[in-house]
Amino acid sequence: KGSRTLWFCRCGKILHGLAGIYALWTRRKKAGWTEGILALAFVGVVFSVGWTIMTMLASLVLPPEGFGEWFKRDTITLILLTFAEGIFYYFLLRSEKPRQDQPEGKPPVSAE
């Protein structure tokens, strides 16, 4: 009966694991192992704190049984967390493109 719910939770945890491995590997290639491990720790902290906050918010709105057999409250919080983290990491990790009036490779000039 609970195996369907566990399937959704496993997929969410696998996606978060893959995001952690991606963060570790890309930061390791750019700045070394120390930066990679820090990126992995950052993903872990964001996951832990985010899931706690989402669970707290969902407990205010949803009953523990959720919306039935497939969408219990924990499953819903993990799905919402996955979307929220996707948006967060998109804005955090996107590469900044140089503006049209700024030559590539030069820092912006501050107006002092």
N, C-alpha and C. Protein backbone atom coordinates (compact mmCIF):
# COMPACT_ATOMS: atom_id res chain seq x y z
N LYS A 1 0.82 -1.19 0.00
CA LYS A 1 0.00 0.00 0.00
C LYS A 1 0.87 1.26 0.00
N GLY A 2 1.95 1.28 0.81
CA GLY A 2 2.80 2.46 0.91
C GLY A 2 3.91 2.49 -0.13
N SER A 3 4.01 1.45 -0.97
CA SER A 3 5.12 1.38 -1.93
C SER A 3 5.01 2.46 -3.00
N ARG A 4 3.81 2.88 -3.35
CA ARG A 4 3.65 3.94 -4.35
C ARG A 4 4.15 5.27 -3.79
N THR A 5 3.84 5.55 -2.54
CA THR A 5 4.32 6.77 -1.91
C THR A 5 5.84 6.73 -1.81
N LEU A 6 6.39 5.61 -1.44
CA LEU A 6 7.84 5.50 -1.33
C LEU A 6 8.52 5.70 -2.68
N TRP A 7 7.86 5.33 -3.76
CA TRP A 7 8.43 5.52 -5.08
C TRP A 7 8.65 7.00 -5.36
N PHE A 8 7.65 7.84 -5.05
CA PHE A 8 7.79 9.29 -5.24
C PHE A 8 8.92 9.84 -4.38
N CYS A 9 8.98 9.40 -3.12
CA CYS A 9 10.03 9.89 -2.22
C CYS A 9 11.41 9.45 -2.71
N ARG A 10 11.52 8.22 -3.20
CA ARG A 10 12.81 7.75 -3.71
C ARG A 10 13.26 8.57 -4.91
N CYS A 11 12.33 8.91 -5.81
CA CYS A 11 12.70 9.72 -6.97
C CYS A 11 13.18 11.10 -6.54
N GLY A 12 12.51 11.71 -5.58
CA GLY A 12 12.94 13.01 -5.09
C GLY A 12 14.31 12.95 -4.45
N LYS A 13 14.56 11.92 -3.67
CA LYS A 13 15.87 11.77 -3.02
C LYS A 13 16.95 11.48 -4.05
N ILE A 14 16.64 10.71 -5.08
CA ILE A 14 17.62 10.44 -6.14
C ILE A 14 17.95 11.72 -6.88
N LEU A 15 16.94 12.55 -7.19
CA LEU A 15 17.20 13.83 -7.86
C LEU A 15 18.09 14.72 -7.00
N HIS A 16 17.84 14.76 -5.70
CA HIS A 16 18.68 15.56 -4.83
C HIS A 16 20.10 14.99 -4.74
N GLY A 17 20.23 13.68 -4.73
CA GLY A 17 21.55 13.06 -4.75
C GLY A 17 22.32 13.40 -6.01
N LEU A 18 21.63 13.35 -7.15
CA LEU A 18 22.27 13.71 -8.41
C LEU A 18 22.68 15.18 -8.44
N ALA A 19 21.86 16.04 -7.85
CA ALA A 19 22.21 17.46 -7.78
C ALA A 19 23.45 17.65 -6.91
N GLY A 20 23.56 16.91 -5.83
CA GLY A 20 24.74 16.99 -4.98
C GLY A 20 25.99 16.52 -5.69
N ILE A 21 25.88 15.43 -6.44
CA ILE A 21 27.02 14.91 -7.20
C ILE A 21 27.42 15.90 -8.29
N TYR A 22 26.43 16.50 -8.94
CA TYR A 22 26.72 17.51 -9.97
C TYR A 22 27.44 18.71 -9.37
N ALA A 23 26.97 19.18 -8.21
CA ALA A 23 27.61 20.32 -7.55
C ALA A 23 29.04 19.97 -7.16
N LEU A 24 29.24 18.79 -6.61
CA LEU A 24 30.58 18.34 -6.23
C LEU A 24 31.50 18.29 -7.44
N TRP A 25 31.04 17.68 -8.50
CA TRP A 25 31.90 17.47 -9.67
C TRP A 25 32.23 18.78 -10.39
N THR A 26 31.24 19.64 -10.58
CA THR A 26 31.51 20.88 -11.32
C THR A 26 32.39 21.83 -10.51
N ARG A 27 32.16 21.93 -9.20
CA ARG A 27 33.01 22.80 -8.39
C ARG A 27 34.41 22.22 -8.25
N ARG A 28 34.54 20.89 -8.23
CA ARG A 28 35.85 20.27 -8.15
C ARG A 28 36.66 20.57 -9.40
N LYS A 29 36.00 20.53 -10.55
CA LYS A 29 36.70 20.82 -11.80
C LYS A 29 37.13 22.28 -11.88
N LYS A 30 36.32 23.20 -11.35
CA LYS A 30 36.64 24.63 -11.43
C LYS A 30 37.64 25.07 -10.38
N ALA A 31 37.51 24.56 -9.14
CA ALA A 31 38.31 25.13 -8.05
C ALA A 31 38.98 24.11 -7.14
N GLY A 32 38.82 22.82 -7.38
CA GLY A 32 39.48 21.82 -6.55
C GLY A 32 38.52 21.07 -5.64
N TRP A 33 39.08 20.08 -4.95
CA TRP A 33 38.28 19.20 -4.12
C TRP A 33 37.63 19.92 -2.94
N THR A 34 38.33 20.87 -2.36
CA THR A 34 37.77 21.58 -1.21
C THR A 34 36.48 22.29 -1.59
N GLU A 35 36.51 23.00 -2.71
CA GLU A 35 35.30 23.69 -3.19
C GLU A 35 34.20 22.69 -3.53
N GLY A 36 34.57 21.55 -4.08
CA GLY A 36 33.57 20.53 -4.41
C GLY A 36 32.88 19.99 -3.17
N ILE A 37 33.65 19.73 -2.13
CA ILE A 37 33.07 19.21 -0.89
C ILE A 37 32.20 20.28 -0.23
N LEU A 38 32.64 21.54 -0.29
CA LEU A 38 31.81 22.62 0.25
C LEU A 38 30.50 22.75 -0.51
N ALA A 39 30.53 22.59 -1.83
CA ALA A 39 29.31 22.65 -2.64
C ALA A 39 28.37 21.51 -2.27
N LEU A 40 28.92 20.32 -2.07
CA LEU A 40 28.11 19.17 -1.66
C LEU A 40 27.49 19.41 -0.29
N ALA A 41 28.26 19.97 0.64
CA ALA A 41 27.72 20.28 1.96
C ALA A 41 26.63 21.34 1.87
N PHE A 42 26.81 22.32 0.98
CA PHE A 42 25.80 23.36 0.79
C PHE A 42 24.50 22.76 0.28
N VAL A 43 24.58 21.86 -0.68
CA VAL A 43 23.38 21.20 -1.20
C VAL A 43 22.70 20.41 -0.08
N GLY A 44 23.49 19.73 0.75
CA GLY A 44 22.91 18.99 1.87
C GLY A 44 22.21 19.87 2.88
N VAL A 45 22.81 21.01 3.19
CA VAL A 45 22.19 21.94 4.15
C VAL A 45 20.91 22.53 3.56
N VAL A 46 20.95 22.93 2.30
CA VAL A 46 19.75 23.50 1.66
C VAL A 46 18.63 22.45 1.62
N PHE A 47 18.98 21.20 1.33
CA PHE A 47 17.99 20.12 1.32
C PHE A 47 17.38 19.93 2.70
N SER A 48 18.21 19.85 3.73
CA SER A 48 17.72 19.60 5.09
C SER A 48 16.84 20.74 5.59
N VAL A 49 17.33 21.96 5.45
CA VAL A 49 16.57 23.12 5.92
C VAL A 49 15.30 23.29 5.09
N GLY A 50 15.42 23.12 3.77
CA GLY A 50 14.25 23.28 2.90
C GLY A 50 13.17 22.27 3.20
N TRP A 51 13.55 21.01 3.43
CA TRP A 51 12.54 19.99 3.72
C TRP A 51 11.87 20.26 5.06
N THR A 52 12.64 20.75 6.02
CA THR A 52 12.07 21.09 7.32
C THR A 52 11.05 22.22 7.19
N ILE A 53 11.41 23.25 6.44
CA ILE A 53 10.50 24.39 6.26
C ILE A 53 9.26 23.98 5.48
N MET A 54 9.44 23.19 4.41
CA MET A 54 8.29 22.75 3.62
C MET A 54 7.37 21.86 4.45
N THR A 55 7.93 21.01 5.31
CA THR A 55 7.10 20.15 6.17
C THR A 55 6.32 21.00 7.15
N MET A 56 6.97 22.01 7.70
CA MET A 56 6.29 22.89 8.65
C MET A 56 5.12 23.62 7.97
N LEU A 57 5.36 24.14 6.76
CA LEU A 57 4.30 24.85 6.03
C LEU A 57 3.18 23.90 5.60
N ALA A 58 3.55 22.71 5.15
CA ALA A 58 2.54 21.75 4.70
C ALA A 58 1.69 21.26 5.87
N SER A 59 2.28 21.16 7.06
CA SER A 59 1.49 20.69 8.21
C SER A 59 0.44 21.72 8.62
N LEU A 60 0.63 22.97 8.24
CA LEU A 60 -0.38 23.98 8.52
C LEU A 60 -1.57 23.88 7.57
N VAL A 61 -1.33 23.35 6.37
CA VAL A 61 -2.36 23.34 5.33
C VAL A 61 -2.95 21.95 5.10
N LEU A 62 -2.12 20.93 5.14
CA LEU A 62 -2.55 19.58 4.76
C LEU A 62 -2.72 18.66 5.97
N PRO A 63 -3.67 17.73 5.89
CA PRO A 63 -3.75 16.71 6.93
C PRO A 63 -2.63 15.68 6.72
N PRO A 64 -2.28 14.89 7.74
CA PRO A 64 -1.19 13.92 7.61
C PRO A 64 -1.40 12.91 6.48
N GLU A 65 -2.66 12.58 6.19
CA GLU A 65 -2.91 11.60 5.12
C GLU A 65 -2.81 12.22 3.73
N GLY A 66 -2.67 13.53 3.65
CA GLY A 66 -2.49 14.20 2.37
C GLY A 66 -3.73 14.12 1.50
N PHE A 67 -3.51 13.79 0.22
CA PHE A 67 -4.61 13.70 -0.74
C PHE A 67 -4.90 12.26 -1.14
N GLY A 68 -4.60 11.32 -0.29
CA GLY A 68 -4.89 9.94 -0.60
C GLY A 68 -3.67 9.07 -0.49
N GLU A 69 -3.78 7.89 -1.09
CA GLU A 69 -2.74 6.88 -0.98
C GLU A 69 -1.42 7.31 -1.61
N TRP A 70 -1.46 8.03 -2.71
CA TRP A 70 -0.24 8.36 -3.44
C TRP A 70 0.40 9.65 -2.96
N PHE A 71 -0.38 10.59 -2.51
CA PHE A 71 0.15 11.89 -2.15
C PHE A 71 -0.04 12.19 -0.67
N LYS A 72 0.75 11.54 0.14
CA LYS A 72 0.75 11.84 1.56
C LYS A 72 1.51 13.14 1.78
N ARG A 73 1.42 13.69 2.97
CA ARG A 73 2.01 15.00 3.24
C ARG A 73 3.53 15.00 3.01
N ASP A 74 4.22 13.97 3.41
CA ASP A 74 5.67 13.93 3.20
C ASP A 74 6.04 13.90 1.72
N THR A 75 5.26 13.19 0.94
CA THR A 75 5.50 13.14 -0.51
C THR A 75 5.28 14.51 -1.14
N ILE A 76 4.22 15.17 -0.74
CA ILE A 76 3.92 16.50 -1.28
C ILE A 76 5.03 17.49 -0.92
N THR A 77 5.51 17.43 0.33
CA THR A 77 6.57 18.36 0.73
C THR A 77 7.85 18.11 -0.05
N LEU A 78 8.16 16.86 -0.33
CA LEU A 78 9.37 16.56 -1.10
C LEU A 78 9.24 17.03 -2.54
N ILE A 79 8.07 16.89 -3.12
CA ILE A 79 7.85 17.37 -4.49
C ILE A 79 7.94 18.90 -4.54
N LEU A 80 7.30 19.58 -3.58
CA LEU A 80 7.39 21.04 -3.53
C LEU A 80 8.82 21.50 -3.30
N LEU A 81 9.55 20.78 -2.45
CA LEU A 81 10.95 21.11 -2.20
C LEU A 81 11.79 20.96 -3.47
N THR A 82 11.53 19.93 -4.24
CA THR A 82 12.27 19.72 -5.48
C THR A 82 12.07 20.88 -6.44
N PHE A 83 10.83 21.33 -6.59
CA PHE A 83 10.56 22.48 -7.47
C PHE A 83 11.20 23.76 -6.93
N ALA A 84 11.06 23.99 -5.62
CA ALA A 84 11.62 25.20 -5.02
C ALA A 84 13.14 25.22 -5.14
N GLU A 85 13.79 24.09 -4.91
CA GLU A 85 15.24 24.03 -5.04
C GLU A 85 15.67 24.16 -6.49
N GLY A 86 14.89 23.64 -7.40
CA GLY A 86 15.22 23.80 -8.82
C GLY A 86 15.26 25.26 -9.21
N ILE A 87 14.27 26.01 -8.75
CA ILE A 87 14.25 27.46 -9.03
C ILE A 87 15.42 28.15 -8.34
N PHE A 88 15.67 27.79 -7.07
CA PHE A 88 16.76 28.39 -6.31
C PHE A 88 18.11 28.14 -6.98
N TYR A 89 18.37 26.89 -7.35
CA TYR A 89 19.66 26.56 -7.97
C TYR A 89 19.78 27.14 -9.38
N TYR A 90 18.66 27.29 -10.07
CA TYR A 90 18.71 27.91 -11.39
C TYR A 90 19.26 29.33 -11.28
N PHE A 91 18.71 30.09 -10.35
CA PHE A 91 19.17 31.47 -10.20
C PHE A 91 20.55 31.55 -9.55
N LEU A 92 20.89 30.59 -8.72
CA LEU A 92 22.19 30.60 -8.05
C LEU A 92 23.31 30.21 -9.00
N LEU A 93 23.09 29.22 -9.84
CA LEU A 93 24.17 28.64 -10.64
C LEU A 93 24.20 29.09 -12.09
N ARG A 94 23.23 29.89 -12.51
CA ARG A 94 23.25 30.32 -13.91
C ARG A 94 24.46 31.21 -14.15
N SER A 95 24.99 31.12 -15.34
CA SER A 95 26.16 31.94 -15.67
C SER A 95 25.70 33.32 -16.10
N GLU A 96 26.41 34.31 -15.62
CA GLU A 96 26.04 35.67 -15.98
C GLU A 96 26.61 36.00 -17.35
N LYS A 97 25.77 36.54 -18.19
CA LYS A 97 26.18 36.92 -19.54
C LYS A 97 26.61 38.39 -19.51
N PRO A 98 27.67 38.74 -20.24
CA PRO A 98 28.07 40.15 -20.26
C PRO A 98 27.02 41.00 -20.95
N ARG A 99 26.87 42.23 -20.46
CA ARG A 99 25.91 43.15 -21.08
C ARG A 99 26.45 43.59 -22.43
N GLN A 100 25.56 44.16 -23.23
CA GLN A 100 25.95 44.59 -24.58
C GLN A 100 26.99 45.71 -24.53
N ASP A 101 26.87 46.64 -23.56
CA ASP A 101 27.79 47.76 -23.50
C ASP A 101 29.08 47.44 -22.74
N GLN A 102 29.21 46.22 -22.25
CA GLN A 102 30.38 45.83 -21.48
C GLN A 102 31.18 44.81 -22.28
N PRO A 103 32.48 45.07 -22.55
CA PRO A 103 33.28 44.08 -23.27
C PRO A 103 33.45 42.82 -22.43
N GLU A 104 33.53 41.69 -23.12
CA GLU A 104 33.64 40.41 -22.45
C GLU A 104 34.99 40.30 -21.74
N GLY A 105 34.98 39.79 -20.53
CA GLY A 105 36.21 39.57 -19.79
C GLY A 105 36.62 40.76 -18.93
N LYS A 106 35.94 41.87 -19.03
CA LYS A 106 36.27 43.04 -18.21
C LYS A 106 35.21 43.21 -17.13
N PRO A 107 35.64 43.53 -15.90
CA PRO A 107 34.66 43.74 -14.83
C PRO A 107 33.92 45.05 -15.08
N PRO A 108 32.70 45.15 -14.55
CA PRO A 108 31.95 46.40 -14.72
C PRO A 108 32.64 47.55 -13.97
N VAL A 109 32.55 48.73 -14.53
CA VAL A 109 33.15 49.90 -13.94
C VAL A 109 32.16 50.49 -12.94
N SER A 110 32.63 50.70 -11.71
CA SER A 110 31.74 51.28 -10.70
C SER A 110 31.75 52.80 -10.81
N ALA A 111 30.60 53.38 -10.61
CA ALA A 111 30.48 54.83 -10.70
C ALA A 111 30.68 55.41 -9.31
N GLU A 112 31.86 55.92 -9.06
CA GLU A 112 32.16 56.52 -7.73
C GLU A 112 32.40 57.97 -7.87
